[in-house]
C-alpha atoms as a PDB file:
ATOM      1  CA  UNK A   1     192.707  91.981 313.082  1.00  0.00           C
ATOM      2  CA  UNK A   2     191.297  95.442 313.705  1.00  0.00           C
ATOM      3  CA  UNK A   3     193.516  96.923 310.996  1.00  0.00           C
ATOM      4  CA  UNK A   4     192.259  94.441 308.394  1.00  0.00           C
ATOM      5  CA  UNK A   5     188.631  95.333 309.201  1.00  0.00           C
ATOM      6  CA  UNK A   6     189.254  99.085 308.827  1.00  0.00           C
ATOM      7  CA  UNK A   7     190.846  98.614 305.439  1.00  0.00           C
ATOM      8  CA  UNK A   8     187.801  96.859 303.992  1.00  0.00           C
ATOM      9  CA  UNK A   9     185.346  99.292 302.268  1.00  0.00           C
ATOM     10  CA  UNK A  10     181.690  99.081 303.215  1.00  0.00           C
ATOM     11  CA  UNK A  11     178.998  97.905 300.757  1.00  0.00           C
ATOM     12  CA  UNK A  12     177.979 101.412 299.707  1.00  0.00           C
ATOM     13  CA  UNK A  13     181.534 102.374 298.780  1.00  0.00           C
ATOM     14  CA  UNK A  14     181.916  99.179 296.735  1.00  0.00           C
ATOM     15  CA  UNK A  15     178.959 100.226 294.548  1.00  0.00           C
ATOM     16  CA  UNK A  16     180.821 103.359 293.434  1.00  0.00           C
ATOM     17  CA  UNK A  17     184.025 103.694 291.481  1.00  0.00           C
ATOM     18  CA  UNK A  18     187.202 103.013 293.438  1.00  0.00           C
ATOM     19  CA  UNK A  19     188.628 106.448 292.583  1.00  0.00           C
ATOM     20  CA  UNK A  20     186.543 109.427 291.373  1.00  0.00           C
ATOM     21  CA  UNK A  21     187.797 110.564 287.978  1.00  0.00           C
ATOM     22  CA  UNK A  22     186.920 114.264 288.458  1.00  0.00           C
ATOM     23  CA  UNK A  23     185.379 116.812 290.799  1.00  0.00           C
ATOM     24  CA  UNK A  24     181.855 115.933 291.897  1.00  0.00           C
ATOM     25  CA  UNK A  25     179.704 118.868 290.813  1.00  0.00           C
ATOM     26  CA  UNK A  26     181.258 119.415 287.364  1.00  0.00           C
ATOM     27  CA  UNK A  27     181.021 115.670 286.773  1.00  0.00           C
ATOM     28  CA  UNK A  28     177.320 115.687 287.617  1.00  0.00           C
ATOM     29  CA  UNK A  29     176.725 118.641 285.299  1.00  0.00           C
ATOM     30  CA  UNK A  30     178.538 116.899 282.460  1.00  0.00           C
ATOM     31  CA  UNK A  31     176.544 113.676 282.826  1.00  0.00           C
ATOM     32  CA  UNK A  32     173.206 115.452 283.223  1.00  0.00           C
ATOM     33  CA  UNK A  33     173.936 117.567 280.153  1.00  0.00           C
ATOM     34  CA  UNK A  34     173.755 114.501 277.885  1.00  0.00           C
ATOM     35  CA  UNK A  35     170.900 112.738 279.678  1.00  0.00           C
ATOM     36  CA  UNK A  36     167.679 112.281 277.709  1.00  0.00           C
ATOM     37  CA  UNK A  37     165.685 111.154 280.753  1.00  0.00           C
ATOM     38  CA  UNK A  38     165.784 111.724 284.543  1.00  0.00           C
ATOM     39  CA  UNK A  39     168.698 109.914 286.188  1.00  0.00           C
ATOM     40  CA  UNK A  40     168.414 108.325 289.623  1.00  0.00           C
ATOM     41  CA  UNK A  41     170.965 109.274 292.304  1.00  0.00           C
ATOM     42  CA  UNK A  42     172.388 105.731 292.330  1.00  0.00           C
ATOM     43  CA  UNK A  43     172.965 105.902 288.563  1.00  0.00           C
ATOM     44  CA  UNK A  44     174.689 109.259 288.907  1.00  0.00           C
ATOM     45  CA  UNK A  45     176.767 108.048 291.844  1.00  0.00           C
ATOM     46  CA  UNK A  46     177.993 105.082 289.827  1.00  0.00           C
ATOM     47  CA  UNK A  47     178.847 107.334 286.889  1.00  0.00           C
ATOM     48  CA  UNK A  48     180.847 109.929 288.822  1.00  0.00           C
ATOM     49  CA  UNK A  49     182.343 107.627 291.470  1.00  0.00           C
ATOM     50  CA  UNK A  50     181.008 109.284 294.631  1.00  0.00           C
ATOM     51  CA  UNK A  51     178.760 108.017 297.436  1.00  0.00           C
ATOM     52  CA  UNK A  52     175.040 108.445 296.871  1.00  0.00           C
ATOM     53  CA  UNK A  53     174.616 110.759 299.861  1.00  0.00           C
ATOM     54  CA  UNK A  54     177.251 113.168 298.542  1.00  0.00           C
ATOM     55  CA  UNK A  55     175.710 113.058 295.068  1.00  0.00           C
ATOM     56  CA  UNK A  56     172.238 113.941 296.375  1.00  0.00           C
ATOM     57  CA  UNK A  57     173.644 116.820 298.420  1.00  0.00           C
ATOM     58  CA  UNK A  58     175.553 118.153 295.417  1.00  0.00           C
ATOM     59  CA  UNK A  59     172.458 117.918 293.198  1.00  0.00           C
ATOM     60  CA  UNK A  60     170.390 119.893 295.691  1.00  0.00           C
ATOM     61  CA  UNK A  61     173.124 122.536 295.947  1.00  0.00           C
ATOM     62  CA  UNK A  62     173.303 122.851 292.152  1.00  0.00           C
ATOM     63  CA  UNK A  63     169.529 123.193 291.887  1.00  0.00           C
ATOM     64  CA  UNK A  64     169.572 125.930 294.516  1.00  0.00           C
ATOM     65  CA  UNK A  65     172.394 127.829 292.813  1.00  0.00           C
ATOM     66  CA  UNK A  66     170.672 127.743 289.412  1.00  0.00           C
ATOM     67  CA  UNK A  67     167.483 129.143 290.965  1.00  0.00           C
ATOM     68  CA  UNK A  68     169.357 131.839 292.888  1.00  0.00           C
ATOM     69  CA  UNK A  69     171.241 132.918 289.754  1.00  0.00           C
ATOM     70  CA  UNK A  70     167.998 132.929 287.718  1.00  0.00           C
ATOM     71  CA  UNK A  71     169.575 130.823 284.988  1.00  0.00           C
ATOM     72  CA  UNK A  72     167.630 129.969 281.836  1.00  0.00           C
ATOM     73  CA  UNK A  73     167.538 126.341 282.931  1.00  0.00           C
ATOM     74  CA  UNK A  74     166.932 124.506 286.174  1.00  0.00           C
ATOM     75  CA  UNK A  75     167.759 121.144 287.717  1.00  0.00           C
ATOM     76  CA  UNK A  76     164.622 119.278 288.751  1.00  0.00           C
ATOM     77  CA  UNK A  77     164.007 116.122 290.757  1.00  0.00           C
ATOM     78  CA  UNK A  78     161.163 114.530 288.789  1.00  0.00           C
ATOM     79  CA  UNK A  79     159.966 110.936 288.641  1.00  0.00           C
ATOM     80  CA  UNK A  80     162.646 109.664 290.985  1.00  0.00           C
ATOM     81  CA  UNK A  81     165.484 111.164 288.950  1.00  0.00           C
ATOM     82  CA  UNK A  82     167.311 114.402 288.168  1.00  0.00           C
ATOM     83  CA  UNK A  83     167.362 116.205 284.825  1.00  0.00           C
ATOM     84  CA  UNK A  84     167.903 119.656 283.314  1.00  0.00           C
ATOM     85  CA  UNK A  85     164.844 121.579 282.112  1.00  0.00           C
ATOM     86  CA  UNK A  86     164.379 125.017 280.613  1.00  0.00           C
ATOM     87  CA  UNK A  87     162.841 127.485 283.061  1.00  0.00           C
ATOM     88  CA  UNK A  88     159.133 128.153 282.678  1.00  0.00           C
ATOM     89  CA  UNK A  89     159.677 131.909 282.389  1.00  0.00           C
ATOM     90  CA  UNK A  90     161.472 131.410 279.083  1.00  0.00           C
ATOM     91  CA  UNK A  91     158.996 128.993 277.531  1.00  0.00           C
ATOM     92  CA  UNK A  92     157.918 131.569 274.926  1.00  0.00           C
ATOM     93  CA  UNK A  93     161.512 132.078 273.780  1.00  0.00           C
ATOM     94  CA  UNK A  94     162.155 128.340 273.498  1.00  0.00           C
ATOM     95  CA  UNK A  95     158.862 127.755 271.707  1.00  0.00           C
ATOM     96  CA  UNK A  96     159.634 130.498 269.195  1.00  0.00           C
ATOM     97  CA  UNK A  97     163.028 128.976 268.457  1.00  0.00           C
ATOM     98  CA  UNK A  98     161.849 125.376 268.178  1.00  0.00           C
ATOM     99  CA  UNK A  99     158.790 126.154 266.087  1.00  0.00           C
ATOM    100  CA  UNK A 100     160.360 128.829 263.901  1.00  0.00           C
ATOM    101  CA  UNK A 101     159.261 128.082 260.355  1.00  0.00           C
ATOM    102  CA  UNK A 102     157.610 124.816 261.364  1.00  0.00           C
ATOM    103  CA  UNK A 103     154.062 126.171 261.419  1.00  0.00           C
ATOM    104  CA  UNK A 104     154.043 127.205 257.761  1.00  0.00           C
ATOM    105  CA  UNK A 105     152.132 124.796 255.555  1.00  0.00           C
ATOM    106  CA  UNK A 106     154.034 122.906 252.901  1.00  0.00           C
ATOM    107  CA  UNK A 107     153.497 124.112 249.352  1.00  0.00           C
ATOM    108  CA  UNK A 108     151.931 121.901 246.721  1.00  0.00           C
ATOM    109  CA  UNK A 109     155.364 121.414 245.180  1.00  0.00           C
ATOM    110  CA  UNK A 110     156.769 120.297 248.534  1.00  0.00           C
ATOM    111  CA  UNK A 111     153.914 117.857 249.102  1.00  0.00           C
ATOM    112  CA  UNK A 112     154.328 116.340 245.643  1.00  0.00           C
ATOM    113  CA  UNK A 113     158.076 116.000 246.100  1.00  0.00           C
ATOM    114  CA  UNK A 114     157.609 114.469 249.553  1.00  0.00           C
ATOM    115  CA  UNK A 115     155.163 111.929 248.096  1.00  0.00           C
ATOM    116  CA  UNK A 116     157.658 110.889 245.424  1.00  0.00           C
ATOM    117  CA  UNK A 117     160.387 110.399 248.020  1.00  0.00           C
ATOM    118  CA  UNK A 118     158.035 108.423 250.277  1.00  0.00           C
ATOM    119  CA  UNK A 119     157.070 105.944 247.558  1.00  0.00           C
ATOM    120  CA  UNK A 120     160.347 105.732 245.634  1.00  0.00           C
ATOM    121  CA  UNK A 121     162.893 105.893 248.469  1.00  0.00           C
ATOM    122  CA  UNK A 122     165.794 105.657 248.527  1.00  0.00           C
ATOM    123  CA  UNK A 123     165.867 108.072 245.608  1.00  0.00           C
ATOM    124  CA  UNK A 124     168.148 110.797 244.274  1.00  0.00           C
ATOM    125  CA  UNK A 125     167.112 114.388 243.648  1.00  0.00           C
ATOM    126  CA  UNK A 126     167.678 113.878 239.940  1.00  0.00           C
ATOM    127  CA  UNK A 127     165.206 111.009 239.833  1.00  0.00           C
ATOM    128  CA  UNK A 128     162.647 113.005 241.807  1.00  0.00           C
ATOM    129  CA  UNK A 129     163.119 115.859 239.344  1.00  0.00           C
ATOM    130  CA  UNK A 130     162.596 113.428 236.450  1.00  0.00           C
ATOM    131  CA  UNK A 131     159.342 112.158 237.920  1.00  0.00           C
ATOM    132  CA  UNK A 132     157.978 115.624 238.665  1.00  0.00           C
ATOM    133  CA  UNK A 133     159.338 117.197 235.495  1.00  0.00           C
ATOM    134  CA  UNK A 134     160.887 120.148 237.337  1.00  0.00           C
ATOM    135  CA  UNK A 135     164.037 120.871 239.320  1.00  0.00           C
ATOM    136  CA  UNK A 136     163.439 119.995 242.970  1.00  0.00           C
ATOM    137  CA  UNK A 137     166.745 121.046 244.550  1.00  0.00           C
ATOM    138  CA  UNK A 138     165.203 123.927 246.492  1.00  0.00           C
ATOM    139  CA  UNK A 139     162.196 121.891 247.598  1.00  0.00           C
ATOM    140  CA  UNK A 140     164.408 119.025 248.774  1.00  0.00           C
ATOM    141  CA  UNK A 141     166.464 121.435 250.874  1.00  0.00           C
ATOM    142  CA  UNK A 142     163.241 122.638 252.487  1.00  0.00           C
ATOM    143  CA  UNK A 143     162.125 119.091 253.265  1.00  0.00           C
ATOM    144  CA  UNK A 144     165.537 118.262 254.763  1.00  0.00           C
ATOM    145  CA  UNK A 145     165.447 121.433 256.877  1.00  0.00           C
ATOM    146  CA  UNK A 146     161.968 120.572 258.120  1.00  0.00           C
ATOM    147  CA  UNK A 147     163.219 117.137 259.199  1.00  0.00           C
ATOM    148  CA  UNK A 148     160.895 115.236 256.853  1.00  0.00           C
ATOM    149  CA  UNK A 149     163.624 113.921 254.521  1.00  0.00           C
ATOM    150  CA  UNK A 150     167.235 112.894 255.155  1.00  0.00           C
ATOM    151  CA  UNK A 151     170.257 111.635 253.224  1.00  0.00           C
ATOM    152  CA  UNK A 152     170.822 107.876 253.288  1.00  0.00           C
ATOM    153  CA  UNK A 153     173.943 107.098 251.278  1.00  0.00           C
ATOM    154  CA  UNK A 154     174.902 107.253 247.613  1.00  0.00           C
ATOM    155  CA  UNK A 155     173.814 105.577 244.412  1.00  0.00           C
ATOM    156  CA  UNK A 156     176.476 102.980 243.578  1.00  0.00           C
ATOM    157  CA  UNK A 157     176.218 103.720 239.840  1.00  0.00           C
ATOM    158  CA  UNK A 158     175.992 107.512 239.669  1.00  0.00           C
ATOM    159  CA  UNK A 159     177.370 108.560 243.049  1.00  0.00           C
ATOM    160  CA  UNK A 160     174.308 110.771 243.608  1.00  0.00           C
ATOM    161  CA  UNK A 161     173.070 111.369 247.145  1.00  0.00           C
ATOM    162  CA  UNK A 162     170.058 109.252 248.044  1.00  0.00           C
ATOM    163  CA  UNK A 163     167.183 110.453 250.200  1.00  0.00           C
ATOM    164  CA  UNK A 164     164.511 108.847 252.347  1.00  0.00           C
ATOM    165  CA  UNK A 165     161.770 109.978 254.691  1.00  0.00           C
ATOM    166  CA  UNK A 166     162.429 110.266 258.434  1.00  0.00           C
ATOM    167  CA  UNK A 167     160.773 109.007 261.573  1.00  0.00           C
ATOM    168  CA  UNK A 168     159.419 112.519 262.050  1.00  0.00           C
ATOM    169  CA  UNK A 169     157.618 112.153 258.692  1.00  0.00           C
ATOM    170  CA  UNK A 170     155.895 108.991 259.947  1.00  0.00           C
ATOM    171  CA  UNK A 171     154.981 110.758 263.168  1.00  0.00           C
ATOM    172  CA  UNK A 172     153.498 113.755 261.353  1.00  0.00           C
ATOM    173  CA  UNK A 173     151.256 111.696 259.090  1.00  0.00           C
ATOM    174  CA  UNK A 174     150.255 109.364 261.910  1.00  0.00           C
ATOM    175  CA  UNK A 175     151.684 105.995 260.859  1.00  0.00           C
ATOM    176  CA  UNK A 176     154.282 103.685 262.364  1.00  0.00           C
ATOM    177  CA  UNK A 177     155.920 102.324 259.201  1.00  0.00           C
ATOM    178  CA  UNK A 178     156.056 102.901 255.460  1.00  0.00           C
ATOM    179  CA  UNK A 179     154.003  99.742 254.972  1.00  0.00           C
ATOM    180  CA  UNK A 180     150.985 101.735 256.139  1.00  0.00           C
ATOM    181  CA  UNK A 181     151.227 104.251 253.297  1.00  0.00           C
ATOM    182  CA  UNK A 182     148.172 104.268 250.996  1.00  0.00           C
ATOM    183  CA  UNK A 183     148.522 102.202 247.827  1.00  0.00           C
ATOM    184  CA  UNK A 184     149.547 105.044 245.539  1.00  0.00           C
ATOM    185  CA  UNK A 185     152.813 103.622 244.221  1.00  0.00           C
ATOM    186  CA  UNK A 186     151.192 101.937 241.164  1.00  0.00           C
ATOM    187  CA  UNK A 187     150.075 105.374 239.934  1.00  0.00           C
ATOM    188  CA  UNK A 188     153.614 106.733 239.877  1.00  0.00           C
ATOM    189  CA  UNK A 189     155.594 106.174 236.649  1.00  0.00           C
ATOM    190  CA  UNK A 190     158.044 103.315 236.724  1.00  0.00           C
ATOM    191  CA  UNK A 191     161.620 104.580 236.627  1.00  0.00           C
ATOM    192  CA  UNK A 192     162.642 102.162 233.862  1.00  0.00           C
ATOM    193  CA  UNK A 193     159.787 103.307 231.650  1.00  0.00           C
ATOM    194  CA  UNK A 194     160.536 106.922 232.460  1.00  0.00           C
ATOM    195  CA  UNK A 195     164.194 106.574 231.541  1.00  0.00           C
ATOM    196  CA  UNK A 196     163.247 104.917 228.254  1.00  0.00           C
ATOM    197  CA  UNK A 197     160.928 107.818 227.474  1.00  0.00           C
ATOM    198  CA  UNK A 198     163.647 110.334 228.272  1.00  0.00           C
ATOM    199  CA  UNK A 199     166.091 108.475 226.041  1.00  0.00           C
ATOM    200  CA  UNK A 200     163.578 108.489 223.185  1.00  0.00           C
ATOM    201  CA  UNK A 201     162.979 112.230 223.652  1.00  0.00           C
ATOM    202  CA  UNK A 202     166.708 112.877 223.401  1.00  0.00           C
ATOM    203  CA  UNK A 203     167.245 110.614 220.392  1.00  0.00           C
ATOM    204  CA  UNK A 204     164.180 111.744 218.429  1.00  0.00           C
ATOM    205  CA  UNK A 205     165.501 115.133 217.250  1.00  0.00           C
ATOM    206  CA  UNK A 206     168.778 113.563 216.234  1.00  0.00           C
ATOM    207  CA  UNK A 207     167.178 110.735 214.275  1.00  0.00           C
ATOM    208  CA  UNK A 208     164.744 113.074 212.508  1.00  0.00           C
ATOM    209  CA  UNK A 209     167.494 115.258 211.123  1.00  0.00           C
ATOM    210  CA  UNK A 210     169.229 114.171 207.919  1.00  0.00           C
ATOM    211  CA  UNK A 211     172.924 114.435 208.306  1.00  0.00           C
ATOM    212  CA  UNK A 212     174.351 116.643 205.520  1.00  0.00           C
ATOM    213  CA  UNK A 213     176.702 115.001 203.081  1.00  0.00           C
ATOM    214  CA  UNK A 214     180.186 116.199 203.930  1.00  0.00           C
ATOM    215  CA  UNK A 215     181.652 118.461 201.278  1.00  0.00           C
ATOM    216  CA  UNK A 216     185.205 118.034 200.168  1.00  0.00           C
ATOM    217  CA  UNK A 217     185.448 121.820 199.960  1.00  0.00           C
ATOM    218  CA  UNK A 218     184.416 122.231 203.611  1.00  0.00           C
ATOM    219  CA  UNK A 219     187.581 122.770 205.637  1.00  0.00           C
ATOM    220  CA  UNK A 220     185.740 121.765 208.835  1.00  0.00           C
ATOM    221  CA  UNK A 221     183.487 118.755 208.074  1.00  0.00           C
ATOM    222  CA  UNK A 222     181.270 117.593 210.936  1.00  0.00           C
ATOM    223  CA  UNK A 223     182.847 114.989 213.195  1.00  0.00           C
ATOM    224  CA  UNK A 224     181.285 111.534 212.930  1.00  0.00           C
ATOM    225  CA  UNK A 225     181.522 111.335 216.750  1.00  0.00           C
ATOM    226  CA  UNK A 226     179.851 114.648 217.550  1.00  0.00           C
ATOM    227  CA  UNK A 227     177.686 114.580 220.684  1.00  0.00           C
ATOM    228  CA  UNK A 228     173.940 114.475 220.018  1.00  0.00           C
ATOM    229  CA  UNK A 229     173.651 117.096 222.748  1.00  0.00           C
ATOM    230  CA  UNK A 230     176.014 119.630 221.174  1.00  0.00           C
ATOM    231  CA  UNK A 231     174.586 122.943 220.104  1.00  0.00           C
ATOM    232  CA  UNK A 232     171.460 124.586 221.519  1.00  0.00           C
ATOM    233  CA  UNK A 233     169.242 122.888 224.074  1.00  0.00           C
ATOM    234  CA  UNK A 234     169.710 121.295 227.466  1.00  0.00           C
ATOM    235  CA  UNK A 235     171.137 117.895 228.126  1.00  0.00           C
ATOM    236  CA  UNK A 236     168.844 115.870 230.365  1.00  0.00           C
ATOM    237  CA  UNK A 237     170.060 115.116 233.877  1.00  0.00           C
ATOM    238  CA  UNK A 238     171.960 111.855 233.947  1.00  0.00           C
ATOM    239  CA  UNK A 239     171.292 111.213 237.628  1.00  0.00           C
ATOM    240  CA  UNK A 240     174.319 112.868 239.179  1.00  0.00           C
ATOM    241  CA  UNK A 241     173.956 115.756 241.552  1.00  0.00           C
ATOM    242  CA  UNK A 242     176.125 118.749 242.331  1.00  0.00           C
ATOM    243  CA  UNK A 243     177.859 118.477 245.645  1.00  0.00           C
END
């Protein structure tokens, strides 16, 4: 009877894993490394499979070691939970890294490109270039780097990368959804109309030229299937993008 009682785990042990999967302190460090909010001791104990009392003791020891070693980070007990934080002494270094290049104002070209993406998304770089009338590859890279624009799949017809604005974009302009954008979309050219205009621009020079009558003496008569874009000039972007 006594032997059966000793073999039964108490309630606290039943709340943890039956067998710890790894050493306590490295396990705590691994879990805390991916935490995006303070974790309570009970949550950590359940994750690593150790009793709560041992987990709390290990957390306090880790916090003390980090402080003694003057590490760039520290383990704090805040709001009822534990989490890693950068040390206050290195705030200037962290701030410089996080804000590097983020304080510079966007150029007019970047703002115009961002507006086109916001109202026409999802949209390819080629279509944005067509609307603005200039190549926007460099500007789009800047917007992606700044976290204002992101890729969101591919166009099923052309295979071009599609882009959309990010949650950070909404945060920066102070709105919660794209539905709150000002009613500016009607002032942007419709893509169907724009493509028709581009097609007319391409076809106009060809139609205005009178095809020379082929000469029987010409050893190299023009091919009836010659491309309208052959020769000098630039072929308009068909919507595909370089990878």
